[in-house]
Amino acid sequence: MPNPRTACQKRDTAETKIAIELDIDGSGASTIATGIPFFDHMLTLFSRHSLCDLKIEADGDIEVDFHHTVEDVGIVLGSCFKEALGDKRGISRYGWALLPMDETLSRVALDFSGRPFLEFRAPEGIPSIRDFSFSLVEEFLRGFSNNAMANIHVEVLYGRDAHHMSESIFKGLAKAVDLAARHDPRVVGIPSTKETLVD
């Protein structure tokens, strides 16, 4: 049996207190409490469709703005994936999804390369979902990418509804992560000609 791919990380600052537990090889079960209902919804979707078990508790200065909490959850969740994947021996490494959500179609591609980079493309002027700014989706992804040490490309190919665009991205990220993190019995050792995928 392979070693458990789990992680538990915390981040305490003057702005937020974040605690996350991750099991990559779970069943999609989650307990999410960030104080931001729409963000909780997106993270629950991510857990369900990636089949990762997630427990997230966040206490942030949401009375000021949602930005710090959303960004810091991305940071800690990315750190959890980095820890849980270890040296990435035997994983597929690459994942991608073309994810439809009603009138919206998003493309997400991910490489657990050890070299963080985010390319994010979406239409201009997307309205907020109630009090959740669409721009926070990019901030979450940047925190995740930088700390998971992953190269992530996200593009909303078309769409009209801000909720659907956000949901398409989070579900697409989930499916890409699921594919990239899978153990592939054909992969011997680390899936790189450099024979390392760590910073």
N, C-alpha and C. Protein backbone atom coordinates (compact mmCIF):
# COMPACT_ATOMS: atom_id res chain seq x y z
N MET A 1 0.84 -1.20 0.00
CA MET A 1 0.00 0.00 0.00
C MET A 1 0.89 1.26 0.00
N PRO A 2 0.56 2.24 -0.85
CA PRO A 2 1.34 3.48 -0.82
C PRO A 2 1.11 4.25 0.47
N ASN A 3 2.08 5.08 0.80
CA ASN A 3 1.95 5.90 2.01
C ASN A 3 0.75 6.82 1.89
N PRO A 4 0.08 7.13 3.01
CA PRO A 4 -1.05 8.07 2.98
C PRO A 4 -0.60 9.43 2.44
N ARG A 5 -1.39 9.99 1.55
CA ARG A 5 -1.06 11.31 1.00
C ARG A 5 -1.95 12.33 1.70
N THR A 6 -1.52 12.68 2.88
CA THR A 6 -2.30 13.59 3.73
C THR A 6 -1.41 14.75 4.18
N ALA A 7 -2.07 15.81 4.62
CA ALA A 7 -1.34 16.97 5.14
C ALA A 7 -2.25 17.74 6.07
N CYS A 8 -1.63 18.43 7.00
CA CYS A 8 -2.34 19.32 7.93
C CYS A 8 -1.49 20.56 8.07
N GLN A 9 -2.05 21.70 7.70
CA GLN A 9 -1.28 22.95 7.71
C GLN A 9 -2.10 24.05 8.38
N LYS A 10 -1.37 24.98 9.02
CA LYS A 10 -2.01 26.14 9.64
C LYS A 10 -1.26 27.40 9.23
N ARG A 11 -1.99 28.50 9.22
CA ARG A 11 -1.39 29.81 8.95
C ARG A 11 -2.09 30.83 9.84
N ASP A 12 -1.34 31.46 10.72
CA ASP A 12 -1.88 32.48 11.62
C ASP A 12 -1.19 33.81 11.34
N THR A 13 -1.99 34.81 10.99
CA THR A 13 -1.47 36.16 10.79
C THR A 13 -2.37 37.13 11.54
N ALA A 14 -2.03 38.40 11.46
CA ALA A 14 -2.88 39.42 12.08
C ALA A 14 -4.22 39.54 11.35
N GLU A 15 -4.31 38.98 10.14
CA GLU A 15 -5.52 39.11 9.33
C GLU A 15 -6.36 37.85 9.28
N THR A 16 -5.72 36.68 9.36
CA THR A 16 -6.45 35.42 9.24
C THR A 16 -5.85 34.34 10.11
N LYS A 17 -6.68 33.36 10.44
CA LYS A 17 -6.24 32.12 11.06
C LYS A 17 -6.86 30.99 10.24
N ILE A 18 -6.00 30.22 9.59
CA ILE A 18 -6.45 29.18 8.67
C ILE A 18 -5.92 27.83 9.14
N ALA A 19 -6.78 26.80 9.13
CA ALA A 19 -6.36 25.43 9.42
C ALA A 19 -6.99 24.51 8.38
N ILE A 20 -6.16 23.71 7.71
CA ILE A 20 -6.66 22.82 6.66
C ILE A 20 -6.09 21.42 6.85
N GLU A 21 -6.96 20.42 6.70
CA GLU A 21 -6.56 19.02 6.66
C GLU A 21 -6.95 18.47 5.29
N LEU A 22 -6.03 17.77 4.64
CA LEU A 22 -6.23 17.25 3.28
C LEU A 22 -5.89 15.78 3.22
N ASP A 23 -6.74 15.01 2.55
CA ASP A 23 -6.43 13.63 2.18
C ASP A 23 -6.68 13.51 0.69
N ILE A 24 -5.60 13.43 -0.09
CA ILE A 24 -5.74 13.38 -1.54
C ILE A 24 -6.54 12.17 -1.98
N ASP A 25 -6.34 11.03 -1.31
CA ASP A 25 -6.99 9.79 -1.71
C ASP A 25 -8.25 9.53 -0.91
N GLY A 26 -9.11 10.53 -0.90
CA GLY A 26 -10.35 10.44 -0.14
C GLY A 26 -11.53 10.07 -1.01
N SER A 27 -12.70 10.53 -0.58
CA SER A 27 -13.94 10.23 -1.30
C SER A 27 -14.70 11.49 -1.67
N GLY A 28 -14.11 12.66 -1.41
CA GLY A 28 -14.79 13.92 -1.71
C GLY A 28 -15.59 14.46 -0.54
N ALA A 29 -15.33 13.95 0.65
CA ALA A 29 -16.02 14.44 1.85
C ALA A 29 -15.37 15.74 2.31
N SER A 30 -16.18 16.65 2.83
CA SER A 30 -15.62 17.94 3.25
C SER A 30 -16.40 18.55 4.39
N THR A 31 -15.68 19.33 5.18
CA THR A 31 -16.27 20.22 6.18
C THR A 31 -15.59 21.56 5.98
N ILE A 32 -16.35 22.53 5.50
CA ILE A 32 -15.78 23.83 5.10
C ILE A 32 -16.46 24.94 5.89
N ALA A 33 -15.65 25.79 6.53
CA ALA A 33 -16.21 26.93 7.26
C ALA A 33 -15.23 28.10 7.16
N THR A 34 -15.45 28.96 6.19
CA THR A 34 -14.59 30.14 6.01
C THR A 34 -15.27 31.44 6.42
N GLY A 35 -16.56 31.37 6.70
CA GLY A 35 -17.31 32.59 6.98
C GLY A 35 -17.79 33.31 5.74
N ILE A 36 -17.48 32.75 4.56
CA ILE A 36 -17.88 33.33 3.28
C ILE A 36 -18.71 32.27 2.55
N PRO A 37 -20.03 32.37 2.57
CA PRO A 37 -20.88 31.29 2.06
C PRO A 37 -20.58 30.86 0.62
N PHE A 38 -20.40 31.81 -0.28
CA PHE A 38 -20.14 31.43 -1.67
C PHE A 38 -18.81 30.70 -1.81
N PHE A 39 -17.80 31.16 -1.08
CA PHE A 39 -16.49 30.50 -1.10
C PHE A 39 -16.60 29.09 -0.53
N ASP A 40 -17.36 28.92 0.54
CA ASP A 40 -17.60 27.59 1.10
C ASP A 40 -18.20 26.66 0.03
N HIS A 41 -19.14 27.21 -0.74
CA HIS A 41 -19.79 26.45 -1.81
C HIS A 41 -18.76 26.00 -2.85
N MET A 42 -17.86 26.91 -3.26
CA MET A 42 -16.86 26.58 -4.26
C MET A 42 -15.86 25.53 -3.74
N LEU A 43 -15.45 25.66 -2.50
CA LEU A 43 -14.50 24.70 -1.92
C LEU A 43 -15.14 23.33 -1.72
N THR A 44 -16.42 23.30 -1.40
CA THR A 44 -17.14 22.04 -1.30
C THR A 44 -17.20 21.35 -2.65
N LEU A 45 -17.45 22.14 -3.70
CA LEU A 45 -17.44 21.59 -5.06
C LEU A 45 -16.06 21.03 -5.41
N PHE A 46 -15.02 21.78 -5.05
CA PHE A 46 -13.66 21.34 -5.33
C PHE A 46 -13.40 19.99 -4.67
N SER A 47 -13.76 19.85 -3.41
CA SER A 47 -13.55 18.60 -2.69
C SER A 47 -14.32 17.46 -3.35
N ARG A 48 -15.57 17.69 -3.63
CA ARG A 48 -16.42 16.63 -4.18
C ARG A 48 -15.90 16.12 -5.53
N HIS A 49 -15.49 17.04 -6.40
CA HIS A 49 -15.12 16.64 -7.75
C HIS A 49 -13.66 16.24 -7.90
N SER A 50 -12.83 16.60 -6.93
CA SER A 50 -11.44 16.12 -6.93
C SER A 50 -11.31 14.80 -6.19
N LEU A 51 -12.34 14.45 -5.42
CA LEU A 51 -12.36 13.27 -4.55
C LEU A 51 -11.34 13.37 -3.42
N CYS A 52 -10.89 14.59 -3.14
CA CYS A 52 -10.04 14.84 -1.98
C CYS A 52 -10.92 15.12 -0.77
N ASP A 53 -10.56 14.58 0.38
CA ASP A 53 -11.25 14.92 1.61
C ASP A 53 -10.61 16.21 2.16
N LEU A 54 -11.47 17.13 2.57
CA LEU A 54 -10.99 18.44 3.01
C LEU A 54 -11.70 18.87 4.28
N LYS A 55 -10.91 19.38 5.21
CA LYS A 55 -11.47 20.08 6.36
C LYS A 55 -10.81 21.45 6.39
N ILE A 56 -11.62 22.50 6.27
CA ILE A 56 -11.09 23.86 6.24
C ILE A 56 -11.81 24.71 7.27
N GLU A 57 -11.02 25.33 8.13
CA GLU A 57 -11.55 26.29 9.10
C GLU A 57 -10.77 27.59 8.91
N ALA A 58 -11.51 28.67 8.71
CA ALA A 58 -10.88 29.97 8.50
C ALA A 58 -11.59 31.03 9.32
N ASP A 59 -10.80 31.82 10.00
CA ASP A 59 -11.31 32.96 10.77
C ASP A 59 -10.53 34.18 10.29
N GLY A 60 -11.16 34.95 9.42
CA GLY A 60 -10.47 36.09 8.82
C GLY A 60 -11.20 37.39 9.04
N ASP A 61 -10.54 38.47 8.63
CA ASP A 61 -11.11 39.81 8.81
C ASP A 61 -12.12 40.13 7.70
N ILE A 62 -13.15 39.28 7.61
CA ILE A 62 -14.12 39.43 6.52
C ILE A 62 -14.99 40.67 6.68
N GLU A 63 -14.97 41.27 7.88
CA GLU A 63 -15.69 42.53 8.04
C GLU A 63 -14.98 43.66 7.30
N VAL A 64 -13.69 43.48 7.02
CA VAL A 64 -12.94 44.44 6.23
C VAL A 64 -13.09 44.13 4.75
N ASP A 65 -12.80 42.86 4.39
CA ASP A 65 -12.82 42.43 3.00
C ASP A 65 -12.66 40.92 2.99
N PHE A 66 -13.09 40.28 1.90
CA PHE A 66 -12.92 38.83 1.78
C PHE A 66 -11.53 38.45 1.26
N HIS A 67 -10.79 39.41 0.76
CA HIS A 67 -9.55 39.14 0.04
C HIS A 67 -8.55 38.33 0.87
N HIS A 68 -8.28 38.76 2.10
CA HIS A 68 -7.26 38.08 2.90
C HIS A 68 -7.62 36.62 3.16
N THR A 69 -8.88 36.38 3.48
CA THR A 69 -9.31 35.01 3.78
C THR A 69 -9.22 34.12 2.55
N VAL A 70 -9.70 34.61 1.41
CA VAL A 70 -9.68 33.81 0.18
C VAL A 70 -8.24 33.52 -0.25
N GLU A 71 -7.40 34.53 -0.24
CA GLU A 71 -6.00 34.34 -0.63
C GLU A 71 -5.29 33.38 0.31
N ASP A 72 -5.49 33.55 1.61
CA ASP A 72 -4.77 32.71 2.58
C ASP A 72 -5.25 31.27 2.57
N VAL A 73 -6.53 31.04 2.28
CA VAL A 73 -6.99 29.65 2.10
C VAL A 73 -6.30 29.03 0.90
N GLY A 74 -6.16 29.79 -0.18
CA GLY A 74 -5.43 29.29 -1.34
C GLY A 74 -3.99 28.95 -1.00
N ILE A 75 -3.34 29.80 -0.21
CA ILE A 75 -1.96 29.58 0.20
C ILE A 75 -1.83 28.29 1.00
N VAL A 76 -2.69 28.13 2.00
CA VAL A 76 -2.59 26.96 2.88
C VAL A 76 -2.99 25.68 2.15
N LEU A 77 -4.03 25.76 1.32
CA LEU A 77 -4.43 24.57 0.57
C LEU A 77 -3.33 24.15 -0.40
N GLY A 78 -2.69 25.12 -1.06
CA GLY A 78 -1.57 24.79 -1.93
C GLY A 78 -0.44 24.15 -1.16
N SER A 79 -0.13 24.66 0.03
CA SER A 79 0.92 24.08 0.88
C SER A 79 0.58 22.65 1.28
N CYS A 80 -0.69 22.40 1.52
CA CYS A 80 -1.12 21.04 1.86
C CYS A 80 -0.87 20.08 0.70
N PHE A 81 -1.20 20.50 -0.52
CA PHE A 81 -0.95 19.64 -1.67
C PHE A 81 0.54 19.39 -1.85
N LYS A 82 1.35 20.42 -1.67
CA LYS A 82 2.80 20.25 -1.80
C LYS A 82 3.32 19.22 -0.80
N GLU A 83 2.85 19.31 0.44
CA GLU A 83 3.27 18.36 1.47
C GLU A 83 2.78 16.95 1.15
N ALA A 84 1.49 16.83 0.80
CA ALA A 84 0.89 15.51 0.61
C ALA A 84 1.46 14.78 -0.61
N LEU A 85 1.84 15.53 -1.64
CA LEU A 85 2.38 14.90 -2.85
C LEU A 85 3.84 14.49 -2.68
N GLY A 86 4.52 15.10 -1.72
CA GLY A 86 5.91 14.73 -1.46
C GLY A 86 6.80 14.93 -2.67
N ASP A 87 7.57 13.89 -3.04
CA ASP A 87 8.46 14.02 -4.20
C ASP A 87 7.74 13.70 -5.51
N LYS A 88 6.42 13.41 -5.43
CA LYS A 88 5.55 13.19 -6.59
C LYS A 88 5.87 11.91 -7.35
N ARG A 89 6.53 11.02 -6.67
CA ARG A 89 6.89 9.74 -7.29
C ARG A 89 5.64 8.98 -7.73
N GLY A 90 5.59 8.58 -8.99
CA GLY A 90 4.52 7.73 -9.49
C GLY A 90 3.23 8.44 -9.88
N ILE A 91 3.20 9.79 -9.81
CA ILE A 91 1.96 10.47 -10.16
C ILE A 91 1.91 10.78 -11.66
N SER A 92 0.72 11.09 -12.14
CA SER A 92 0.56 11.45 -13.55
C SER A 92 1.19 12.80 -13.86
N ARG A 93 1.20 13.70 -12.87
CA ARG A 93 1.80 15.04 -12.95
C ARG A 93 0.93 16.05 -13.65
N TYR A 94 0.40 15.74 -14.82
CA TYR A 94 -0.40 16.69 -15.60
C TYR A 94 -1.89 16.37 -15.46
N GLY A 95 -2.70 17.42 -15.43
CA GLY A 95 -4.14 17.24 -15.43
C GLY A 95 -4.81 18.37 -16.17
N TRP A 96 -5.97 18.10 -16.70
CA TRP A 96 -6.68 19.12 -17.47
C TRP A 96 -8.17 18.80 -17.48
N ALA A 97 -8.96 19.83 -17.77
CA ALA A 97 -10.41 19.65 -17.85
C ALA A 97 -10.99 20.73 -18.75
N LEU A 98 -11.95 20.33 -19.55
CA LEU A 98 -12.80 21.25 -20.30
C LEU A 98 -14.16 21.13 -19.64
N LEU A 99 -14.55 22.15 -18.84
CA LEU A 99 -15.65 21.97 -17.91
C LEU A 99 -16.84 22.85 -18.28
N PRO A 100 -17.95 22.24 -18.71
CA PRO A 100 -19.16 23.01 -19.01
C PRO A 100 -19.99 23.24 -17.75
N MET A 101 -20.58 24.41 -17.64
CA MET A 101 -21.54 24.72 -16.59
C MET A 101 -22.62 25.57 -17.22
N ASP A 102 -23.69 24.93 -17.63
CA ASP A 102 -24.76 25.61 -18.37
C ASP A 102 -24.18 26.35 -19.57
N GLU A 103 -24.30 27.68 -19.61
CA GLU A 103 -23.85 28.44 -20.79
C GLU A 103 -22.36 28.71 -20.79
N THR A 104 -21.67 28.32 -19.71
CA THR A 104 -20.25 28.62 -19.53
C THR A 104 -19.38 27.41 -19.88
N LEU A 105 -18.22 27.69 -20.48
CA LEU A 105 -17.24 26.65 -20.71
C LEU A 105 -15.87 27.19 -20.29
N SER A 106 -15.20 26.45 -19.40
CA SER A 106 -13.87 26.85 -18.93
C SER A 106 -12.86 25.74 -19.21
N ARG A 107 -11.63 26.16 -19.42
CA ARG A 107 -10.53 25.22 -19.64
C ARG A 107 -9.50 25.41 -18.52
N VAL A 108 -9.14 24.31 -17.89
CA VAL A 108 -8.15 24.34 -16.81
C VAL A 108 -7.09 23.29 -17.11
N ALA A 109 -5.82 23.70 -17.08
CA ALA A 109 -4.70 22.77 -17.25
C ALA A 109 -3.73 22.98 -16.11
N LEU A 110 -3.18 21.89 -15.59
CA LEU A 110 -2.35 21.96 -14.39
C LEU A 110 -1.16 21.02 -14.53
N ASP A 111 -0.01 21.48 -14.03
CA ASP A 111 1.21 20.67 -13.99
C ASP A 111 1.82 20.84 -12.60
N PHE A 112 1.91 19.75 -11.85
CA PHE A 112 2.60 19.78 -10.56
C PHE A 112 4.11 19.74 -10.82
N SER A 113 4.61 20.80 -11.40
CA SER A 113 5.95 20.85 -11.96
C SER A 113 7.04 21.22 -10.97
N GLY A 114 6.66 21.80 -9.83
CA GLY A 114 7.64 22.38 -8.93
C GLY A 114 7.99 23.82 -9.30
N ARG A 115 7.38 24.34 -10.38
CA ARG A 115 7.62 25.71 -10.83
C ARG A 115 6.27 26.43 -10.87
N PRO A 116 5.98 27.28 -9.90
CA PRO A 116 4.66 27.91 -9.85
C PRO A 116 4.48 28.98 -10.91
N PHE A 117 3.31 28.95 -11.54
CA PHE A 117 2.93 29.99 -12.50
C PHE A 117 1.43 29.91 -12.68
N LEU A 118 0.78 31.08 -12.71
CA LEU A 118 -0.66 31.13 -12.99
C LEU A 118 -0.91 32.01 -14.19
N GLU A 119 -1.61 31.47 -15.17
CA GLU A 119 -2.15 32.25 -16.28
C GLU A 119 -3.66 32.20 -16.17
N PHE A 120 -4.28 33.37 -15.98
CA PHE A 120 -5.73 33.44 -15.74
C PHE A 120 -6.35 34.37 -16.78
N ARG A 121 -7.31 33.86 -17.53
CA ARG A 121 -7.98 34.65 -18.56
C ARG A 121 -9.49 34.51 -18.40
N ALA A 122 -10.15 35.64 -18.28
CA ALA A 122 -11.60 35.67 -18.14
C ALA A 122 -12.11 36.97 -18.75
N PRO A 123 -13.36 37.02 -19.15
CA PRO A 123 -13.91 38.26 -19.70
C PRO A 123 -13.80 39.41 -18.70
N GLU A 124 -13.71 40.62 -19.22
CA GLU A 124 -13.65 41.80 -18.37
C GLU A 124 -15.03 42.13 -17.81
N GLY A 125 -15.02 42.76 -16.65
CA GLY A 125 -16.26 43.32 -16.09
C GLY A 125 -17.26 42.30 -15.58
N ILE A 126 -16.79 41.14 -15.13
CA ILE A 126 -17.71 40.14 -14.58
C ILE A 126 -18.23 40.64 -13.24
N PRO A 127 -19.53 40.67 -13.04
CA PRO A 127 -20.07 41.22 -11.79
C PRO A 127 -19.81 40.31 -10.60
N SER A 128 -19.96 40.87 -9.41
CA SER A 128 -19.83 40.09 -8.18
C SER A 128 -20.97 39.11 -8.04
N ILE A 129 -20.73 38.05 -7.30
CA ILE A 129 -21.78 37.11 -6.91
C ILE A 129 -22.21 37.54 -5.51
N ARG A 130 -23.31 38.23 -5.42
CA ARG A 130 -23.70 38.93 -4.19
C ARG A 130 -22.54 39.82 -3.76
N ASP A 131 -21.89 39.53 -2.63
CA ASP A 131 -20.78 40.38 -2.18
C ASP A 131 -19.42 39.72 -2.41
N PHE A 132 -19.38 38.68 -3.23
CA PHE A 132 -18.14 37.98 -3.54
C PHE A 132 -17.64 38.44 -4.91
N SER A 133 -16.54 39.19 -4.93
CA SER A 133 -15.99 39.68 -6.18
C SER A 133 -15.41 38.54 -7.00
N PHE A 134 -15.71 38.52 -8.29
CA PHE A 134 -15.18 37.47 -9.17
C PHE A 134 -13.66 37.48 -9.19
N SER A 135 -13.05 38.64 -8.98
CA SER A 135 -11.59 38.74 -9.00
C SER A 135 -10.94 37.89 -7.90
N LEU A 136 -11.70 37.54 -6.88
CA LEU A 136 -11.17 36.72 -5.80
C LEU A 136 -10.86 35.29 -6.26
N VAL A 137 -11.52 34.85 -7.32
CA VAL A 137 -11.21 33.52 -7.86
C VAL A 137 -9.76 33.47 -8.31
N GLU A 138 -9.31 34.52 -9.00
CA GLU A 138 -7.92 34.58 -9.43
C GLU A 138 -6.97 34.65 -8.24
N GLU A 139 -7.35 35.40 -7.21
CA GLU A 139 -6.48 35.51 -6.02
C GLU A 139 -6.32 34.16 -5.33
N PHE A 140 -7.40 33.41 -5.23
CA PHE A 140 -7.33 32.06 -4.66
C PHE A 140 -6.38 31.18 -5.48
N LEU A 141 -6.56 31.21 -6.79
CA LEU A 141 -5.74 30.38 -7.66
C LEU A 141 -4.26 30.75 -7.59
N ARG A 142 -3.97 32.04 -7.46
CA ARG A 142 -2.56 32.46 -7.37
C ARG A 142 -1.93 31.95 -6.08
N GLY A 143 -2.65 32.07 -4.97
CA GLY A 143 -2.15 31.54 -3.70
C GLY A 143 -1.95 30.04 -3.77
N PHE A 144 -2.89 29.34 -4.40
CA PHE A 144 -2.79 27.89 -4.55
C PHE A 144 -1.60 27.50 -5.42
N SER A 145 -1.48 28.14 -6.57
CA SER A 145 -0.40 27.83 -7.51
C SER A 145 0.97 28.05 -6.90
N ASN A 146 1.15 29.20 -6.25
CA ASN A 146 2.46 29.55 -5.69
C ASN A 146 2.90 28.59 -4.60
N ASN A 147 1.95 28.04 -3.87
CA ASN A 147 2.30 27.21 -2.72
C ASN A 147 2.20 25.72 -2.99
N ALA A 148 1.41 25.32 -3.98
CA ALA A 148 1.43 23.93 -4.44
C ALA A 148 2.61 23.70 -5.38
N MET A 149 3.28 24.78 -5.77
CA MET A 149 4.37 24.72 -6.76
C MET A 149 3.85 24.10 -8.06
N ALA A 150 2.73 24.68 -8.53
CA ALA A 150 2.06 24.15 -9.70
C ALA A 150 1.92 25.22 -10.78
N ASN A 151 2.04 24.79 -12.02
CA ASN A 151 1.78 25.63 -13.18
C ASN A 151 0.31 25.44 -13.55
N ILE A 152 -0.47 26.52 -13.49
CA ILE A 152 -1.91 26.42 -13.72
C ILE A 152 -2.33 27.43 -14.77
N HIS A 153 -3.07 26.97 -15.77
CA HIS A 153 -3.64 27.84 -16.80
C HIS A 153 -5.15 27.70 -16.76
N VAL A 154 -5.83 28.82 -16.62
CA VAL A 154 -7.29 28.85 -16.52
C VAL A 154 -7.82 29.85 -17.54
N GLU A 155 -8.81 29.43 -18.30
CA GLU A 155 -9.44 30.37 -19.23
C GLU A 155 -10.94 30.09 -19.29
N VAL A 156 -11.73 31.16 -19.08
CA VAL A 156 -13.17 31.08 -19.32
C VAL A 156 -13.36 31.33 -20.81
N LEU A 157 -13.69 30.29 -21.55
CA LEU A 157 -13.81 30.41 -23.01
C LEU A 157 -15.02 31.23 -23.40
N TYR A 158 -16.12 31.02 -22.68
CA TYR A 158 -17.30 31.86 -22.86
C TYR A 158 -18.24 31.61 -21.70
N GLY A 159 -19.15 32.57 -21.51
CA GLY A 159 -20.12 32.47 -20.42
C GLY A 159 -20.75 33.82 -20.15
N ARG A 160 -21.84 33.81 -19.40
CA ARG A 160 -22.54 35.05 -19.08
C ARG A 160 -22.77 35.21 -17.58
N ASP A 161 -22.96 34.13 -16.89
CA ASP A 161 -23.32 34.18 -15.47
C ASP A 161 -22.08 34.04 -14.60
N ALA A 162 -21.87 34.98 -13.68
CA ALA A 162 -20.66 34.99 -12.84
C ALA A 162 -20.57 33.75 -11.95
N HIS A 163 -21.72 33.33 -11.42
CA HIS A 163 -21.74 32.12 -10.58
C HIS A 163 -21.28 30.91 -11.39
N HIS A 164 -21.83 30.78 -12.60
CA HIS A 164 -21.48 29.64 -13.43
C HIS A 164 -20.01 29.66 -13.83
N MET A 165 -19.47 30.85 -14.09
CA MET A 165 -18.05 30.94 -14.44
C MET A 165 -17.17 30.49 -13.27
N SER A 166 -17.49 30.96 -12.08
CA SER A 166 -16.73 30.56 -10.89
C SER A 166 -16.83 29.05 -10.67
N GLU A 167 -18.02 28.53 -10.77
CA GLU A 167 -18.24 27.11 -10.53
C GLU A 167 -17.52 26.25 -11.56
N SER A 168 -17.54 26.70 -12.81
CA SER A 168 -16.85 25.99 -13.87
C SER A 168 -15.35 25.93 -13.59
N ILE A 169 -14.79 27.03 -13.11
CA ILE A 169 -13.35 27.07 -12.81
C ILE A 169 -13.01 26.14 -11.64
N PHE A 170 -13.77 26.21 -10.56
CA PHE A 170 -13.45 25.38 -9.39
C PHE A 170 -13.63 23.89 -9.70
N LYS A 171 -14.67 23.55 -10.45
CA LYS A 171 -14.86 22.15 -10.84
C LYS A 171 -13.76 21.71 -11.81
N GLY A 172 -13.39 22.60 -12.73
CA GLY A 172 -12.32 22.28 -13.66
C GLY A 172 -11.00 22.07 -12.94
N LEU A 173 -10.72 22.93 -11.95
CA LEU A 173 -9.51 22.74 -11.15
C LEU A 173 -9.55 21.41 -10.42
N ALA A 174 -10.70 21.06 -9.89
CA ALA A 174 -10.85 19.79 -9.17
C ALA A 174 -10.53 18.60 -10.06
N LYS A 175 -11.09 18.60 -11.26
CA LYS A 175 -10.86 17.47 -12.16
C LYS A 175 -9.41 17.42 -12.63
N ALA A 176 -8.80 18.60 -12.84
CA ALA A 176 -7.39 18.63 -13.24
C ALA A 176 -6.49 18.12 -12.12
N VAL A 177 -6.79 18.53 -10.89
CA VAL A 177 -6.02 18.05 -9.74
C VAL A 177 -6.18 16.54 -9.58
N ASP A 178 -7.39 16.05 -9.71
CA ASP A 178 -7.65 14.61 -9.58
C ASP A 178 -6.80 13.83 -10.58
N LEU A 179 -6.78 14.29 -11.82
CA LEU A 179 -6.03 13.59 -12.87
C LEU A 179 -4.52 13.68 -12.62
N ALA A 180 -4.05 14.87 -12.28
CA ALA A 180 -2.60 15.08 -12.12
C ALA A 180 -2.03 14.35 -10.90
N ALA A 181 -2.82 14.24 -9.85
CA ALA A 181 -2.33 13.64 -8.60
C ALA A 181 -2.46 12.12 -8.57
N ARG A 182 -3.12 11.54 -9.56
CA ARG A 182 -3.32 10.09 -9.56
C ARG A 182 -2.01 9.33 -9.67
N HIS A 183 -1.95 8.21 -8.97
CA HIS A 183 -0.84 7.28 -9.18
C HIS A 183 -1.09 6.52 -10.48
N ASP A 184 -0.06 6.46 -11.30
CA ASP A 184 -0.14 5.74 -12.57
C ASP A 184 0.88 4.59 -12.48
N PRO A 185 0.43 3.35 -12.53
CA PRO A 185 1.35 2.22 -12.37
C PRO A 185 2.42 2.16 -13.45
N ARG A 186 2.21 2.87 -14.56
CA ARG A 186 3.21 2.87 -15.64
C ARG A 186 4.35 3.84 -15.35
N VAL A 187 4.11 4.79 -14.41
CA VAL A 187 5.13 5.78 -14.10
C VAL A 187 6.11 5.18 -13.10
N VAL A 188 7.35 5.07 -13.51
CA VAL A 188 8.39 4.55 -12.63
C VAL A 188 9.17 5.73 -12.06
N GLY A 189 9.11 5.89 -10.75
CA GLY A 189 9.83 6.99 -10.12
C GLY A 189 9.14 8.32 -10.33
N ILE A 190 9.95 9.35 -10.53
CA ILE A 190 9.45 10.71 -10.64
C ILE A 190 9.22 11.05 -12.11
N PRO A 191 8.03 11.57 -12.46
CA PRO A 191 7.72 11.81 -13.88
C PRO A 191 8.38 13.06 -14.44
N SER A 192 9.70 13.00 -14.54
CA SER A 192 10.47 14.11 -15.11
C SER A 192 11.82 13.59 -15.56
N THR A 193 12.31 14.07 -16.70
CA THR A 193 13.65 13.68 -17.14
C THR A 193 14.72 14.26 -16.22
N LYS A 194 14.35 15.29 -15.43
CA LYS A 194 15.27 15.83 -14.42
C LYS A 194 15.36 14.94 -13.19
N GLU A 195 14.35 14.06 -13.06
CA GLU A 195 14.23 13.15 -11.92
C GLU A 195 14.03 13.90 -10.61
N THR A 196 13.44 15.10 -10.71
CA THR A 196 13.01 15.84 -9.53
C THR A 196 11.89 16.78 -9.93
N LEU A 197 10.90 16.93 -9.06
CA LEU A 197 9.80 17.88 -9.27
C LEU A 197 9.58 18.70 -8.01
N VAL A 198 10.65 18.94 -7.27
CA VAL A 198 10.55 19.75 -6.07
C VAL A 198 11.43 20.97 -6.22
N ASP A 199 11.08 22.02 -5.45
CA ASP A 199 11.82 23.28 -5.56
C ASP A 199 13.17 23.14 -4.89
